[in-house]
Amino acid sequence: TGQTATASVKVDGDKLAEALRRVTPFMAEKNPPNLACVYAESQGGVLQLTATDGYRMAHLTVPLLFPEGNYLMKGAGAKDFSTRHYNGQEVTVEVGQGDEQGLIKMGEVTVELESSPYINYPDAVPEDFDLEAIIDTKAWIKPIRQNKSWIVGVIYSSAGCRMFLQSAEGETVACESLPVQMISGPDKKVAYRAEHFRRALTSCGPSATIQVGDPVKATIFEAEDYW
């Protein structure tokens, strides 16, 4: 897992749980084992968390103490901690040593570490984006929840954004206009799995910056404000 140090630190339990809640929905369910994990990179008081199932990826950077080093945390323990609430209390995060190597303790939760290497995730992120939109995520999530669609097609346009919602059988069940706070760049048409798109928007919080390049490549969703 590329651990570079063993240490014990105290961290705001609620902030760490919230950070993990933002990324755990993007892990693989079981296989491959190294993707059924959250990859944590900690240096100088900055924590980066990455999770991907090979189709979607969440990457979060937050100012949060964590033991220095890189850790590939198995999904069960990461999810367990993410569901807890600490009411502003600090928890101790400690990397296991001796007989407890391969573990990281976060408060009362013990998380196993995966030994296989993680993917080189920066290679999966496109760099040639030419469209940017800032949106209210709730307004975009609402039609997905109301129509329970399988596929959503989004037309990004300065003339007005629209969402087409399709059933698993390919039938268009709804078409909705979408509000945007700001949009710049050429028109784009992009199709997403409805549940994947909803989770990406939800993970961003109240607002998100969406970046699109080649419509068949990855779309980037960035949170405006984390805490």
Foldseek 3Di string as FASTA:
>chain_A
DWFDDWDKDKWFLLLLLLVLVLFQVAAAPPPPQLQQWWKWADDDQKIWIWHHHVADIDIDIDRIDDPHTIFTWHSVLSNVSSVDDDPRDIWMWGADDDVRHQWIDTHPTITGTDDDDHDPVVVQDDDAWFKKFKAFLVQVLVVCVVPVAFKWKWKDDPVWIKIFGHHPVGHTDDMDTGDTPDMDGHIDIAMDGSVVVSSNSVSQPRMWMWTDDPRVGDIDTHHPDDD
